[in-house]
Amino acid sequence: MPHIGRPKRPSLDILLIALAMVLTVGSAIAQDDDLLAQIEGRLIPAEGTLTDYGISLSLESLPQFVDWWYTLVPDVENDPRYVEALSSLVAPCCDDNLAFKCCCEDDEGQACNIIRSAKGLAAHLISEFDYDTQALADSILQWLQFARPDYYVARELENVGENSRSYGLTTKGSCYRGLCNTPISEGGCGGMKELIEPTITGTGS
């Protein structure tokens, strides 16, 4: 009968290798967290940031910006600055479309509220401040990055070779994920008719 001895204990070398692997994985996770924080800090303006046009960034401004889509856009929609600025940006809800015409605008007069807010702001900046094309594009992008940070962070993660899904994010547009009637604060489009945004407690100014 063969002799059955005690199971061999793992050698010190194996234990050290295993420990090194654990430390390496932990370090990688910390570096990933750092990368996410760096991207967010670089791209996403903080709530309350005072803009060049005098309105602090807040989702409280959504009703006002959307209202400007109804009242001011008809007066500026043929202005080259309006067309060019919005055409230089993608729609964060469906980035295979430009902010000038998101995927739901095949029917005249239709738009989701995240795009309505961007266009309304653009119309206000032209009407009230006579912004040029570049200043207009910069301000619209700043607003969209604030309102829909999930898309812009996900896109930048993909740009630097990271899998955005491993961070719980995606570049797949909210329009294509059935989130048209989900609040903008939850990564959606904010509704296709009436604005859906339960975080709003008042009206922006």
Protein backbone atom coordinates (compact mmCIF):
# COMPACT_ATOMS: atom_id res chain seq x y z
CA MET A 1 0.00 0.00 0.00
CA PRO A 2 1.54 3.25 -1.00
CA HIS A 3 2.51 5.63 1.76
CA ILE A 4 0.24 8.66 1.98
CA GLY A 5 2.07 11.57 3.49
CA ARG A 6 0.90 15.02 4.42
CA PRO A 7 -0.03 17.24 1.50
CA LYS A 8 2.83 19.44 0.55
CA ARG A 9 2.52 23.01 1.70
CA PRO A 10 2.84 25.63 -1.02
CA SER A 11 6.37 26.84 -1.26
CA LEU A 12 7.30 30.34 -0.17
CA ASP A 13 7.94 31.27 -3.80
CA ILE A 14 4.38 30.33 -4.80
CA LEU A 15 2.94 32.30 -1.89
CA LEU A 16 4.99 35.35 -2.84
CA ILE A 17 3.84 35.10 -6.47
CA ALA A 18 0.21 34.84 -5.37
CA LEU A 19 0.60 37.84 -3.08
CA ALA A 20 2.21 39.85 -5.87
CA MET A 21 -0.71 39.02 -8.16
CA VAL A 22 -3.24 40.18 -5.55
CA LEU A 23 -1.35 43.41 -5.02
CA THR A 24 -1.09 43.98 -8.78
CA VAL A 25 -4.83 43.51 -9.27
CA GLY A 26 -5.58 45.85 -6.37
CA SER A 27 -3.20 48.44 -7.80
CA ALA A 28 -4.83 48.16 -11.23
CA ILE A 29 -8.28 48.75 -9.73
CA ALA A 30 -6.98 51.82 -7.90
CA GLN A 31 -5.45 53.12 -11.13
CA ASP A 32 -8.77 52.58 -12.93
CA ASP A 33 -10.55 54.57 -10.25
CA ASP A 34 -7.98 57.30 -10.65
CA LEU A 35 -8.50 57.33 -14.41
CA LEU A 36 -12.26 57.66 -14.00
CA ALA A 37 -11.80 60.52 -11.54
CA GLN A 38 -9.36 62.24 -13.90
CA ILE A 39 -11.74 62.00 -16.84
CA GLU A 40 -14.69 63.24 -14.80
CA GLY A 41 -12.62 66.12 -13.41
CA ARG A 42 -11.41 67.13 -16.85
CA LEU A 43 -14.65 66.80 -18.82
CA ILE A 44 -17.59 67.26 -16.48
CA PRO A 45 -18.31 70.70 -15.02
CA ALA A 46 -19.53 70.75 -11.45
CA GLU A 47 -23.04 71.72 -10.50
CA GLY A 48 -23.16 75.41 -9.68
CA THR A 49 -20.38 76.32 -12.12
CA LEU A 50 -21.02 79.88 -13.28
CA THR A 51 -21.13 80.00 -17.06
CA ASP A 52 -19.99 82.77 -19.37
CA TYR A 53 -23.64 83.63 -19.96
CA GLY A 54 -24.36 84.11 -16.27
CA ILE A 55 -26.45 81.01 -15.48
CA SER A 56 -25.03 78.54 -12.98
CA LEU A 57 -25.10 74.96 -14.23
CA SER A 58 -28.05 73.10 -12.76
CA LEU A 59 -30.79 70.80 -13.97
CA GLU A 60 -33.12 73.42 -12.49
CA SER A 61 -32.47 75.31 -15.76
CA LEU A 62 -34.03 72.58 -17.88
CA PRO A 63 -37.57 74.03 -17.97
CA GLN A 64 -36.23 77.41 -19.06
CA PHE A 65 -33.94 75.98 -21.73
CA VAL A 66 -36.72 73.76 -23.10
CA ASP A 67 -39.11 76.72 -23.11
CA TRP A 68 -36.60 78.66 -25.21
CA TRP A 69 -36.76 75.85 -27.77
CA TYR A 70 -40.43 76.67 -28.26
CA THR A 71 -40.15 80.46 -28.10
CA LEU A 72 -36.72 81.45 -29.47
CA VAL A 73 -35.57 78.73 -31.87
CA PRO A 74 -38.00 79.75 -34.67
CA ASP A 75 -36.22 83.11 -34.83
CA VAL A 76 -32.68 81.70 -35.13
CA GLU A 77 -33.01 78.28 -36.78
CA ASN A 78 -31.68 79.61 -40.10
CA ASP A 79 -28.83 81.55 -38.50
CA PRO A 80 -25.53 80.05 -39.73
CA ARG A 81 -24.10 80.21 -36.20
CA TYR A 82 -26.95 78.10 -34.86
CA VAL A 83 -26.67 75.55 -37.65
CA GLU A 84 -22.88 75.29 -37.58
CA ALA A 85 -22.49 75.14 -33.79
CA LEU A 86 -25.07 72.39 -33.34
CA SER A 87 -23.77 70.53 -36.39
CA SER A 88 -20.29 70.41 -34.82
CA LEU A 89 -21.60 68.40 -31.86
CA VAL A 90 -23.13 64.95 -31.58
CA ALA A 91 -26.36 64.23 -29.77
CA PRO A 92 -25.44 62.42 -26.53
CA CYS A 93 -28.69 60.46 -26.75
CA CYS A 94 -27.90 59.11 -30.25
CA ASP A 95 -24.35 60.00 -31.26
CA ASP A 96 -24.70 58.74 -34.82
CA ASN A 97 -26.70 61.95 -35.21
CA LEU A 98 -25.68 65.57 -34.79
CA ALA A 99 -27.04 67.79 -32.05
CA PHE A 100 -28.55 69.82 -34.90
CA LYS A 101 -30.87 66.93 -35.73
CA CYS A 102 -31.17 64.01 -33.33
CA CYS A 103 -32.65 60.68 -34.40
CA CYS A 104 -36.20 61.55 -33.34
CA GLU A 105 -36.43 64.66 -35.52
CA ASP A 106 -37.50 62.94 -38.71
CA ASP A 107 -40.96 64.27 -37.95
CA GLU A 108 -40.98 68.04 -38.02
CA GLY A 109 -41.32 69.60 -34.57
CA GLN A 110 -40.16 66.49 -32.73
CA ALA A 111 -37.16 66.32 -30.40
CA CYS A 112 -36.23 64.82 -27.08
CA ASN A 113 -35.87 67.23 -24.18
CA ILE A 114 -32.08 66.94 -23.84
CA ILE A 115 -31.79 68.20 -27.42
CA ARG A 116 -34.57 70.76 -26.90
CA SER A 117 -32.59 72.15 -23.96
CA ALA A 118 -29.39 72.43 -26.03
CA LYS A 119 -31.17 74.16 -28.91
CA GLY A 120 -33.09 76.45 -26.60
CA LEU A 121 -29.87 77.51 -24.91
CA ALA A 122 -28.26 78.10 -28.30
CA ALA A 123 -31.16 80.30 -29.38
CA HIS A 124 -30.93 82.30 -26.14
CA LEU A 125 -27.19 82.86 -26.53
CA ILE A 126 -27.67 84.15 -30.07
CA SER A 127 -30.70 86.30 -29.28
CA GLU A 128 -29.47 87.73 -25.99
CA PHE A 129 -25.67 87.78 -26.33
CA ASP A 130 -24.95 87.53 -30.08
CA TYR A 131 -22.53 84.62 -29.53
CA ASP A 132 -20.31 83.57 -32.41
CA THR A 133 -20.21 79.98 -33.64
CA GLN A 134 -17.29 78.80 -31.48
CA ALA A 135 -18.55 80.38 -28.27
CA LEU A 136 -21.96 78.89 -29.00
CA ALA A 137 -20.56 75.38 -29.54
CA ASP A 138 -18.42 75.61 -26.39
CA SER A 139 -21.37 76.64 -24.24
CA ILE A 140 -23.69 73.98 -25.64
CA LEU A 141 -21.06 71.28 -25.12
CA GLN A 142 -20.49 72.45 -21.54
CA TRP A 143 -24.22 72.17 -20.87
CA LEU A 144 -24.52 68.73 -22.44
CA GLN A 145 -21.48 67.43 -20.57
CA PHE A 146 -23.04 68.62 -17.33
CA ALA A 147 -26.52 67.31 -18.09
CA ARG A 148 -25.47 63.92 -19.53
CA PRO A 149 -22.02 63.19 -18.02
CA ASP A 150 -22.48 59.42 -18.40
CA TYR A 151 -22.20 59.57 -22.19
CA TYR A 152 -19.16 61.85 -22.30
CA VAL A 153 -17.23 59.90 -19.66
CA ALA A 154 -18.03 56.61 -21.43
CA ARG A 155 -16.87 57.98 -24.76
CA GLU A 156 -13.59 59.22 -23.29
CA LEU A 157 -12.98 55.87 -21.60
CA GLU A 158 -13.39 54.19 -24.99
CA ASN A 159 -11.08 56.79 -26.56
CA VAL A 160 -8.28 55.84 -24.16
CA GLY A 161 -8.77 52.13 -24.76
CA GLU A 162 -10.89 51.25 -21.74
CA ASN A 163 -14.09 49.21 -21.80
CA SER A 164 -16.72 51.69 -20.59
CA ARG A 165 -19.06 48.85 -19.61
CA SER A 166 -16.61 47.71 -16.95
CA TYR A 167 -17.31 51.05 -15.28
CA GLY A 168 -21.06 50.64 -15.58
CA LEU A 169 -21.22 53.10 -18.49
CA THR A 170 -21.97 52.84 -22.19
CA THR A 171 -21.66 54.93 -25.32
CA LYS A 172 -24.83 53.35 -26.71
CA GLY A 173 -27.31 56.19 -26.93
CA SER A 174 -30.15 56.39 -24.45
CA CYS A 175 -32.50 56.72 -27.41
CA TYR A 176 -31.50 53.21 -28.52
CA ARG A 177 -31.80 51.75 -25.02
CA GLY A 178 -35.46 52.64 -24.59
CA LEU A 179 -34.71 55.55 -22.25
CA CYS A 180 -36.57 58.28 -24.14
CA ASN A 181 -38.96 58.82 -21.23
CA THR A 182 -36.31 58.43 -18.53
CA PRO A 183 -35.16 61.56 -16.66
CA ILE A 184 -32.00 63.23 -17.92
CA SER A 185 -30.52 62.90 -14.42
CA GLU A 186 -30.86 59.12 -14.80
CA GLY A 187 -29.14 58.97 -18.19
CA GLY A 188 -32.27 59.33 -20.31
CA CYS A 189 -33.69 61.80 -22.80
CA GLY A 190 -36.06 63.56 -20.43
CA GLY A 191 -39.21 62.77 -22.38
CA MET A 192 -40.36 63.41 -25.92
CA LYS A 193 -43.16 65.81 -25.03
CA GLU A 194 -43.48 67.09 -21.49
CA LEU A 195 -40.19 67.33 -19.60
CA ILE A 196 -39.62 64.38 -17.26
CA GLU A 197 -37.19 65.39 -14.53
CA PRO A 198 -38.23 64.71 -10.91
CA THR A 199 -35.08 66.30 -9.47
CA ILE A 200 -36.30 69.77 -10.46
CA THR A 201 -37.69 71.72 -7.51
CA GLY A 202 -37.90 75.13 -9.15
CA THR A 203 -37.20 77.02 -12.34
CA GLY A 204 -33.73 77.97 -13.50
CA SER A 205 -32.95 81.57 -14.27
